[in-house]
Amino acid sequence: MRLIDLNVSIKLDNNEKAIKLLNDGDYDIIALQEVMRGIDSSVYDRYNNSKIIKESMNEQYKYSFFGALWVAKHHIKNGVITKDFGGLAEQGNEIISKCPIVEAENIFFYKNYAPFVDVTNFREVDHPRALERVVLQLDNKKVQLLNIHGIWNKGKVGDKRTIKECEFVLKVALDKEMPTIITGDFNLNPESESIKLINEKLKNLIYIYDIKTTRPIVRDGLDVGDSVDDYIFVNNKIKVNEFKVMKTDVSDHYPLILDFDIVK
């Protein structure tokens, strides 16, 4: 089985590049963060990539689950509109799959689903965050997949909130005795105490494969790239055949690609 993880980036108008990347790889499972889903028909295509991407995928991708985090028509910073979505739209995480999704839930661990319009104090307060959990049916076996876009924190060093976040992720991951994969943009560096908590219980493929960066060099006033923000963790019921980070300009994050089997 082949899985790809990608933060598609709300900052970029990159639908065509993302579609080409996802279609060219013949993946079985796609895990995305920063996905936008239009509620109003007037939402610009740039901010409706959930719909645009799925319409452009081949017919084998019959299953998907979108976990919404917040909703807005635009973003305002210091009283000025910085992003206009063209209508009411949601941002969230999404899993797209060739395999049936037999369970799905969006579990909030920081705030709850709500409007997110004024981004002036984003650095201090962040927006709602949730863990997207699905169970996939792979032939006669089931796999638990957790998809996350973690709490933003300055320097990605972590704080009390991210400690609680990672404790929560571990609790959900370890609750079921089944093959488990955790994937996503954690907004945390590998040396943070938050990531080390997960390392104690699960295999961190970024560490095992000695990955030095999951981001291109970006300087956008909020982040500085060429760093590790994105991770895949697995338990001992997942056999890793191959893991790699694909260097590409499709987003401000590199895709993570995992080829795996379920341990018999």
C-alpha atoms as a PDB file:
ATOM      1  CA  MET A   1       0.000   0.000   0.000  1.00  0.00           C
ATOM      2  CA  ARG A   2       1.185   3.503  -0.796  1.00  0.00           C
ATOM      3  CA  LEU A   3       0.323   6.574   1.268  1.00  0.00           C
ATOM      4  CA  ILE A   4       1.170  10.197   0.589  1.00  0.00           C
ATOM      5  CA  ASP A   5       0.935  12.996   3.142  1.00  0.00           C
ATOM      6  CA  LEU A   6       0.928  16.671   2.141  1.00  0.00           C
ATOM      7  CA  ASN A   7       0.140  20.045   3.652  1.00  0.00           C
ATOM      8  CA  VAL A   8      -1.276  21.644   0.499  1.00  0.00           C
ATOM      9  CA  SER A   9      -0.835  25.228   1.871  1.00  0.00           C
ATOM     10  CA  ILE A  10      -3.560  27.855   2.072  1.00  0.00           C
ATOM     11  CA  LYS A  11      -0.923  30.425   1.094  1.00  0.00           C
ATOM     12  CA  LEU A  12      -0.384  29.115  -2.438  1.00  0.00           C
ATOM     13  CA  ASP A  13      -2.540  28.942  -5.576  1.00  0.00           C
ATOM     14  CA  ASN A  14      -1.313  25.448  -6.404  1.00  0.00           C
ATOM     15  CA  ASN A  15      -4.297  23.239  -7.317  1.00  0.00           C
ATOM     16  CA  GLU A  16      -2.851  22.172 -10.679  1.00  0.00           C
ATOM     17  CA  LYS A  17       0.510  21.183  -9.180  1.00  0.00           C
ATOM     18  CA  ALA A  18      -1.157  19.290  -6.332  1.00  0.00           C
ATOM     19  CA  ILE A  19      -3.473  17.397  -8.689  1.00  0.00           C
ATOM     20  CA  LYS A  20      -0.576  16.359 -10.938  1.00  0.00           C
ATOM     21  CA  LEU A  21       1.489  15.205  -7.950  1.00  0.00           C
ATOM     22  CA  LEU A  22      -1.341  13.128  -6.483  1.00  0.00           C
ATOM     23  CA  ASN A  23      -2.397  11.555  -9.775  1.00  0.00           C
ATOM     24  CA  ASP A  24       1.129  10.745 -10.949  1.00  0.00           C
ATOM     25  CA  GLY A  25       1.991   8.698  -7.864  1.00  0.00           C
ATOM     26  CA  ASP A  26      -0.806   6.109  -7.977  1.00  0.00           C
ATOM     27  CA  TYR A  27      -1.277   6.256  -4.207  1.00  0.00           C
ATOM     28  CA  ASP A  28      -3.805   4.157  -2.317  1.00  0.00           C
ATOM     29  CA  ILE A  29      -4.274   6.666   0.507  1.00  0.00           C
ATOM     30  CA  ILE A  30      -3.913  10.457   0.486  1.00  0.00           C
ATOM     31  CA  ALA A  31      -3.690  12.491   3.719  1.00  0.00           C
ATOM     32  CA  LEU A  32      -3.907  16.273   3.359  1.00  0.00           C
ATOM     33  CA  GLN A  33      -3.736  19.291   5.654  1.00  0.00           C
ATOM     34  CA  GLU A  34      -4.780  22.947   5.075  1.00  0.00           C
ATOM     35  CA  VAL A  35      -7.493  21.774   2.699  1.00  0.00           C
ATOM     36  CA  MET A  36     -10.265  24.273   1.869  1.00  0.00           C
ATOM     37  CA  ARG A  37     -13.889  23.291   1.192  1.00  0.00           C
ATOM     38  CA  GLY A  38     -16.322  25.827  -0.214  1.00  0.00           C
ATOM     39  CA  ILE A  39     -19.758  26.106   1.367  1.00  0.00           C
ATOM     40  CA  ASP A  40     -20.991  28.929  -0.868  1.00  0.00           C
ATOM     41  CA  SER A  41     -20.944  28.348  -4.630  1.00  0.00           C
ATOM     42  CA  SER A  42     -19.102  31.674  -4.998  1.00  0.00           C
ATOM     43  CA  VAL A  43     -15.930  30.427  -3.273  1.00  0.00           C
ATOM     44  CA  TYR A  44     -12.898  30.826  -5.535  1.00  0.00           C
ATOM     45  CA  ASP A  45     -11.368  27.597  -6.891  1.00  0.00           C
ATOM     46  CA  ARG A  46      -8.121  28.431  -5.114  1.00  0.00           C
ATOM     47  CA  TYR A  47      -9.973  28.093  -1.796  1.00  0.00           C
ATOM     48  CA  ASN A  48     -12.060  25.081  -2.800  1.00  0.00           C
ATOM     49  CA  ASN A  49      -9.284  22.544  -3.338  1.00  0.00           C
ATOM     50  CA  SER A  50     -11.146  19.729  -1.568  1.00  0.00           C
ATOM     51  CA  LYS A  51     -13.686  19.754  -4.397  1.00  0.00           C
ATOM     52  CA  ILE A  52     -11.209  20.536  -7.194  1.00  0.00           C
ATOM     53  CA  ILE A  53      -8.724  17.824  -6.212  1.00  0.00           C
ATOM     54  CA  LYS A  54     -11.330  15.069  -5.773  1.00  0.00           C
ATOM     55  CA  GLU A  55     -13.030  15.894  -9.070  1.00  0.00           C
ATOM     56  CA  SER A  56      -9.669  15.540 -10.810  1.00  0.00           C
ATOM     57  CA  MET A  57      -8.690  12.209  -9.261  1.00  0.00           C
ATOM     58  CA  ASN A  58      -9.365   8.942 -11.070  1.00  0.00           C
ATOM     59  CA  GLU A  59     -12.522   6.983 -10.287  1.00  0.00           C
ATOM     60  CA  GLN A  60     -10.692   4.529  -8.007  1.00  0.00           C
ATOM     61  CA  TYR A  61     -10.708   7.124  -5.228  1.00  0.00           C
ATOM     62  CA  LYS A  62     -14.251   6.428  -4.062  1.00  0.00           C
ATOM     63  CA  TYR A  63     -13.842   7.272  -0.391  1.00  0.00           C
ATOM     64  CA  SER A  64     -13.028  10.472   1.493  1.00  0.00           C
ATOM     65  CA  PHE A  65     -13.498  12.154   4.843  1.00  0.00           C
ATOM     66  CA  PHE A  66     -13.087  15.889   5.493  1.00  0.00           C
ATOM     67  CA  GLY A  67     -12.523  17.056   9.062  1.00  0.00           C
ATOM     68  CA  ALA A  68     -13.368  20.767   9.245  1.00  0.00           C
ATOM     69  CA  LEU A  69     -11.559  22.999  11.765  1.00  0.00           C
ATOM     70  CA  TRP A  70     -12.915  26.496  11.115  1.00  0.00           C
ATOM     71  CA  VAL A  71     -15.132  28.523   8.779  1.00  0.00           C
ATOM     72  CA  ALA A  72     -14.860  32.044   7.330  1.00  0.00           C
ATOM     73  CA  LYS A  73     -15.553  34.244   4.301  1.00  0.00           C
ATOM     74  CA  HIS A  74     -12.234  36.053   4.649  1.00  0.00           C
ATOM     75  CA  HIS A  75      -9.330  36.709   6.994  1.00  0.00           C
ATOM     76  CA  ILE A  76      -8.704  40.083   8.603  1.00  0.00           C
ATOM     77  CA  LYS A  77      -5.469  41.280  10.181  1.00  0.00           C
ATOM     78  CA  ASN A  78      -5.366  44.616  12.005  1.00  0.00           C
ATOM     79  CA  GLY A  79      -8.681  45.536  10.400  1.00  0.00           C
ATOM     80  CA  VAL A  80      -7.529  44.802   6.824  1.00  0.00           C
ATOM     81  CA  ILE A  81      -8.732  41.859   4.716  1.00  0.00           C
ATOM     82  CA  THR A  82      -5.681  39.724   3.944  1.00  0.00           C
ATOM     83  CA  LYS A  83      -7.451  36.765   2.301  1.00  0.00           C
ATOM     84  CA  ASP A  84     -10.805  36.832   0.518  1.00  0.00           C
ATOM     85  CA  PHE A  85     -12.238  33.347  -0.061  1.00  0.00           C
ATOM     86  CA  GLY A  86     -15.053  34.560  -2.316  1.00  0.00           C
ATOM     87  CA  GLY A  87     -17.670  33.136   0.030  1.00  0.00           C
ATOM     88  CA  LEU A  88     -18.070  30.977   3.095  1.00  0.00           C
ATOM     89  CA  ALA A  89     -15.439  28.225   3.230  1.00  0.00           C
ATOM     90  CA  GLU A  90     -14.014  25.747   5.727  1.00  0.00           C
ATOM     91  CA  GLN A  91     -10.445  24.684   6.318  1.00  0.00           C
ATOM     92  CA  GLY A  92      -9.561  21.236   7.612  1.00  0.00           C
ATOM     93  CA  ASN A  93      -7.775  17.937   7.098  1.00  0.00           C
ATOM     94  CA  GLU A  94      -8.860  15.361   4.545  1.00  0.00           C
ATOM     95  CA  ILE A  95      -8.254  11.703   3.788  1.00  0.00           C
ATOM     96  CA  ILE A  96      -8.932  10.387   0.274  1.00  0.00           C
ATOM     97  CA  SER A  97      -8.733   6.654  -0.322  1.00  0.00           C
ATOM     98  CA  LYS A  98      -9.151   3.814  -2.770  1.00  0.00           C
ATOM     99  CA  CYS A  99      -9.909   1.628   0.267  1.00  0.00           C
ATOM    100  CA  PRO A 100     -13.256   1.776   2.093  1.00  0.00           C
ATOM    101  CA  ILE A 101     -13.441   4.049   5.133  1.00  0.00           C
ATOM    102  CA  VAL A 102     -15.405   2.049   7.716  1.00  0.00           C
ATOM    103  CA  GLU A 103     -15.034   4.471  10.656  1.00  0.00           C
ATOM    104  CA  ALA A 104     -14.445   8.221  10.679  1.00  0.00           C
ATOM    105  CA  GLU A 105     -14.381  10.948  13.302  1.00  0.00           C
ATOM    106  CA  ASN A 106     -12.978  14.441  13.774  1.00  0.00           C
ATOM    107  CA  ILE A 107     -11.886  14.802  17.418  1.00  0.00           C
ATOM    108  CA  PHE A 108     -11.130  18.324  18.679  1.00  0.00           C
ATOM    109  CA  PHE A 109      -8.308  18.679  21.185  1.00  0.00           C
ATOM    110  CA  TYR A 110      -7.830  22.475  21.072  1.00  0.00           C
ATOM    111  CA  LYS A 111     -10.906  24.722  20.988  1.00  0.00           C
ATOM    112  CA  ASN A 112     -13.938  23.659  18.931  1.00  0.00           C
ATOM    113  CA  TYR A 113     -15.136  24.217  15.368  1.00  0.00           C
ATOM    114  CA  ALA A 114     -15.813  27.954  15.044  1.00  0.00           C
ATOM    115  CA  PRO A 115     -15.474  30.990  12.768  1.00  0.00           C
ATOM    116  CA  PHE A 116     -11.858  32.066  12.295  1.00  0.00           C
ATOM    117  CA  VAL A 117     -11.890  35.539  10.777  1.00  0.00           C
ATOM    118  CA  ASP A 118      -9.561  37.835  12.712  1.00  0.00           C
ATOM    119  CA  VAL A 119      -6.015  36.467  12.424  1.00  0.00           C
ATOM    120  CA  THR A 120      -4.308  39.443  14.074  1.00  0.00           C
ATOM    121  CA  ASN A 121      -3.344  37.449  17.184  1.00  0.00           C
ATOM    122  CA  PHE A 122      -2.849  34.095  15.473  1.00  0.00           C
ATOM    123  CA  ARG A 123       0.611  33.662  16.969  1.00  0.00           C
ATOM    124  CA  GLU A 124      -0.808  33.821  20.492  1.00  0.00           C
ATOM    125  CA  VAL A 125      -4.176  32.066  20.190  1.00  0.00           C
ATOM    126  CA  ASP A 126      -4.085  29.826  17.090  1.00  0.00           C
ATOM    127  CA  HIS A 127      -7.300  28.380  15.630  1.00  0.00           C
ATOM    128  CA  PRO A 128      -9.277  25.191  16.454  1.00  0.00           C
ATOM    129  CA  ARG A 129      -7.364  21.961  15.962  1.00  0.00           C
ATOM    130  CA  ALA A 130      -8.636  18.385  15.662  1.00  0.00           C
ATOM    131  CA  LEU A 131      -7.331  14.890  15.078  1.00  0.00           C
ATOM    132  CA  GLU A 132      -8.882  13.242  12.028  1.00  0.00           C
ATOM    133  CA  ARG A 133      -9.262   9.509  12.670  1.00  0.00           C
ATOM    134  CA  VAL A 134     -10.365   6.936  10.119  1.00  0.00           C
ATOM    135  CA  VAL A 135     -10.316   3.168   9.958  1.00  0.00           C
ATOM    136  CA  LEU A 136      -9.612   1.787   6.495  1.00  0.00           C
ATOM    137  CA  GLN A 137     -10.576  -1.659   5.256  1.00  0.00           C
ATOM    138  CA  LEU A 138      -7.602  -3.161   3.415  1.00  0.00           C
ATOM    139  CA  ASP A 139      -8.849  -6.467   1.997  1.00  0.00           C
ATOM    140  CA  ASN A 140      -9.632  -8.474   5.151  1.00  0.00           C
ATOM    141  CA  LYS A 141      -7.634  -6.227   7.500  1.00  0.00           C
ATOM    142  CA  LYS A 142      -8.223  -2.839   9.101  1.00  0.00           C
ATOM    143  CA  VAL A 143      -5.789   0.032   9.559  1.00  0.00           C
ATOM    144  CA  GLN A 144      -6.211   3.059  11.804  1.00  0.00           C
ATOM    145  CA  LEU A 145      -5.009   6.312  10.215  1.00  0.00           C
ATOM    146  CA  LEU A 146      -4.686   9.530  12.215  1.00  0.00           C
ATOM    147  CA  ASN A 147      -4.221  12.798  10.315  1.00  0.00           C
ATOM    148  CA  ILE A 148      -3.254  16.010  12.115  1.00  0.00           C
ATOM    149  CA  HIS A 149      -2.309  19.635  11.575  1.00  0.00           C
ATOM    150  CA  GLY A 150      -0.825  20.573  14.925  1.00  0.00           C
ATOM    151  CA  ILE A 151      -0.960  23.718  17.047  1.00  0.00           C
ATOM    152  CA  TRP A 152       1.281  26.490  15.763  1.00  0.00           C
ATOM    153  CA  ASN A 153       3.971  27.681  18.166  1.00  0.00           C
ATOM    154  CA  LYS A 154       6.810  30.124  17.651  1.00  0.00           C
ATOM    155  CA  GLY A 155      10.034  28.390  16.665  1.00  0.00           C
ATOM    156  CA  LYS A 156       8.189  25.041  16.584  1.00  0.00           C
ATOM    157  CA  VAL A 157       9.779  24.179  19.938  1.00  0.00           C
ATOM    158  CA  GLY A 158       6.482  23.285  21.575  1.00  0.00           C
ATOM    159  CA  ASP A 159       4.680  24.502  24.691  1.00  0.00           C
ATOM    160  CA  LYS A 160       2.162  23.273  27.267  1.00  0.00           C
ATOM    161  CA  ARG A 161      -0.522  23.115  24.587  1.00  0.00           C
ATOM    162  CA  THR A 162       1.532  20.875  22.283  1.00  0.00           C
ATOM    163  CA  ILE A 163       2.454  18.581  25.174  1.00  0.00           C
ATOM    164  CA  LYS A 164      -1.266  18.047  25.796  1.00  0.00           C
ATOM    165  CA  GLU A 165      -1.837  17.655  22.046  1.00  0.00           C
ATOM    166  CA  CYS A 166       0.724  14.863  21.706  1.00  0.00           C
ATOM    167  CA  GLU A 167      -0.519  13.142  24.851  1.00  0.00           C
ATOM    168  CA  PHE A 168      -3.988  13.191  23.280  1.00  0.00           C
ATOM    169  CA  VAL A 169      -2.724  11.820  19.967  1.00  0.00           C
ATOM    170  CA  LEU A 170      -0.979   8.970  21.772  1.00  0.00           C
ATOM    171  CA  LYS A 171      -4.092   8.165  23.802  1.00  0.00           C
ATOM    172  CA  VAL A 172      -6.185   7.835  20.635  1.00  0.00           C
ATOM    173  CA  ALA A 173      -3.465   5.930  18.764  1.00  0.00           C
ATOM    174  CA  LEU A 174      -2.931   3.384  21.528  1.00  0.00           C
ATOM    175  CA  ASP A 175      -6.579   2.907  22.434  1.00  0.00           C
ATOM    176  CA  LYS A 176      -7.146   0.299  19.713  1.00  0.00           C
ATOM    177  CA  GLU A 177      -5.074  -2.843  19.187  1.00  0.00           C
ATOM    178  CA  MET A 178      -4.728  -2.439  15.450  1.00  0.00           C
ATOM    179  CA  PRO A 179      -2.199  -1.390  12.806  1.00  0.00           C
ATOM    180  CA  THR A 180      -1.827   2.382  13.203  1.00  0.00           C
ATOM    181  CA  ILE A 181      -0.288   5.200  11.178  1.00  0.00           C
ATOM    182  CA  ILE A 182      -0.100   8.822  12.349  1.00  0.00           C
ATOM    183  CA  THR A 183       0.671  11.404   9.699  1.00  0.00           C
ATOM    184  CA  GLY A 184       0.610  15.159   9.283  1.00  0.00           C
ATOM    185  CA  ASP A 185       2.116  18.561   9.904  1.00  0.00           C
ATOM    186  CA  PHE A 186       2.779  18.732  13.654  1.00  0.00           C
ATOM    187  CA  ASN A 187       4.326  22.232  13.586  1.00  0.00           C
ATOM    188  CA  LEU A 188       7.018  20.836  15.899  1.00  0.00           C
ATOM    189  CA  ASN A 189      10.729  20.235  15.494  1.00  0.00           C
ATOM    190  CA  PRO A 190      12.251  16.793  16.181  1.00  0.00           C
ATOM    191  CA  GLU A 191      13.942  17.893  19.409  1.00  0.00           C
ATOM    192  CA  SER A 192      10.759  19.186  21.017  1.00  0.00           C
ATOM    193  CA  GLU A 193       9.578  17.442  24.178  1.00  0.00           C
ATOM    194  CA  SER A 194       6.178  17.022  22.501  1.00  0.00           C
ATOM    195  CA  ILE A 195       7.554  14.882  19.654  1.00  0.00           C
ATOM    196  CA  LYS A 196       9.758  12.935  22.073  1.00  0.00           C
ATOM    197  CA  LEU A 197       6.597  11.817  23.887  1.00  0.00           C
ATOM    198  CA  ILE A 198       5.379  10.068  20.734  1.00  0.00           C
ATOM    199  CA  ASN A 199       8.845   8.663  20.009  1.00  0.00           C
ATOM    200  CA  GLU A 200       8.663   6.718  23.276  1.00  0.00           C
ATOM    201  CA  LYS A 201       5.663   4.705  22.064  1.00  0.00           C
ATOM    202  CA  LEU A 202       5.795   4.646  18.262  1.00  0.00           C
ATOM    203  CA  LYS A 203       8.337   4.498  15.439  1.00  0.00           C
ATOM    204  CA  ASN A 204       9.183   7.968  14.129  1.00  0.00           C
ATOM    205  CA  LEU A 205      10.102   7.455  10.468  1.00  0.00           C
ATOM    206  CA  ILE A 206      11.596  10.944  10.213  1.00  0.00           C
ATOM    207  CA  TYR A 207      14.119   9.923  12.890  1.00  0.00           C
ATOM    208  CA  ILE A 208      14.691   6.373  11.637  1.00  0.00           C
ATOM    209  CA  TYR A 209      15.356   7.531   8.066  1.00  0.00           C
ATOM    210  CA  ASP A 210      17.451  10.524   9.204  1.00  0.00           C
ATOM    211  CA  ILE A 211      15.333  13.122   7.386  1.00  0.00           C
ATOM    212  CA  LYS A 212      16.812  16.624   7.734  1.00  0.00           C
ATOM    213  CA  THR A 213      13.976  18.713   6.337  1.00  0.00           C
ATOM    214  CA  THR A 214      10.348  18.376   5.245  1.00  0.00           C
ATOM    215  CA  ARG A 215      10.097  21.930   3.922  1.00  0.00           C
ATOM    216  CA  PRO A 216      11.654  24.001   1.169  1.00  0.00           C
ATOM    217  CA  ILE A 217      13.335  27.264   2.147  1.00  0.00           C
ATOM    218  CA  VAL A 218      10.487  29.717   2.778  1.00  0.00           C
ATOM    219  CA  ARG A 219      10.403  33.014   4.658  1.00  0.00           C
ATOM    220  CA  ASP A 220       6.837  34.281   4.802  1.00  0.00           C
ATOM    221  CA  GLY A 221       6.878  36.356   7.979  1.00  0.00           C
ATOM    222  CA  LEU A 222       5.417  33.524  10.041  1.00  0.00           C
ATOM    223  CA  ASP A 223       7.690  30.569   9.264  1.00  0.00           C
ATOM    224  CA  VAL A 224      11.217  29.914   8.093  1.00  0.00           C
ATOM    225  CA  GLY A 225      11.493  26.759   6.019  1.00  0.00           C
ATOM    226  CA  ASP A 226      14.213  24.145   5.527  1.00  0.00           C
ATOM    227  CA  SER A 227      13.043  22.455   8.738  1.00  0.00           C
ATOM    228  CA  VAL A 228      11.245  19.317   9.904  1.00  0.00           C
ATOM    229  CA  ASP A 229       7.555  19.975  10.642  1.00  0.00           C
ATOM    230  CA  ASP A 230       5.922  16.893   9.112  1.00  0.00           C
ATOM    231  CA  TYR A 231       5.990  13.328  10.423  1.00  0.00           C
ATOM    232  CA  ILE A 232       4.803   9.780   9.960  1.00  0.00           C
ATOM    233  CA  PHE A 233       4.689   7.488  13.000  1.00  0.00           C
ATOM    234  CA  VAL A 234       3.759   3.794  12.904  1.00  0.00           C
ATOM    235  CA  ASN A 235       3.271   1.038  15.441  1.00  0.00           C
ATOM    236  CA  ASN A 236       4.796  -2.441  15.277  1.00  0.00           C
ATOM    237  CA  LYS A 237       1.852  -3.797  13.290  1.00  0.00           C
ATOM    238  CA  ILE A 238       2.957  -1.777  10.239  1.00  0.00           C
ATOM    239  CA  LYS A 239       5.793  -3.079   8.058  1.00  0.00           C
ATOM    240  CA  VAL A 240       7.610  -0.195   6.351  1.00  0.00           C
ATOM    241  CA  ASN A 241       8.779  -1.133   2.863  1.00  0.00           C
ATOM    242  CA  GLU A 242       9.902   2.362   1.904  1.00  0.00           C
ATOM    243  CA  PHE A 243       9.721   5.883   3.316  1.00  0.00           C
ATOM    244  CA  LYS A 244      10.898   9.057   1.646  1.00  0.00           C
ATOM    245  CA  VAL A 245      10.434  12.812   1.446  1.00  0.00           C
ATOM    246  CA  MET A 246       9.883  14.120  -2.083  1.00  0.00           C
ATOM    247  CA  LYS A 247      11.532  17.468  -2.767  1.00  0.00           C
ATOM    248  CA  THR A 248       9.150  19.478  -4.949  1.00  0.00           C
ATOM    249  CA  ASP A 249       7.771  23.008  -5.267  1.00  0.00           C
ATOM    250  CA  VAL A 250       4.131  21.873  -5.152  1.00  0.00           C
ATOM    251  CA  SER A 251       3.679  23.377  -1.667  1.00  0.00           C
ATOM    252  CA  ASP A 252       5.552  25.018   1.208  1.00  0.00           C
ATOM    253  CA  HIS A 253       5.827  21.497   2.658  1.00  0.00           C
ATOM    254  CA  TYR A 254       7.343  18.445   0.986  1.00  0.00           C
ATOM    255  CA  PRO A 255       5.185  15.334   0.522  1.00  0.00           C
ATOM    256  CA  LEU A 256       5.934  12.317   2.729  1.00  0.00           C
ATOM    257  CA  ILE A 257       5.558   8.957   0.985  1.00  0.00           C
ATOM    258  CA  LEU A 258       5.122   5.641   2.765  1.00  0.00           C
ATOM    259  CA  ASP A 259       4.996   2.202   1.185  1.00  0.00           C
ATOM    260  CA  PHE A 260       3.777  -0.317   3.763  1.00  0.00           C
ATOM    261  CA  ASP A 261       2.171  -3.659   4.519  1.00  0.00           C
ATOM    262  CA  ILE A 262       0.350  -4.927   7.546  1.00  0.00           C
ATOM    263  CA  VAL A 263       2.401  -7.296   9.674  1.00  0.00           C
ATOM    264  CA  LYS A 264       0.909 -10.780   9.515  1.00  0.00           C
END
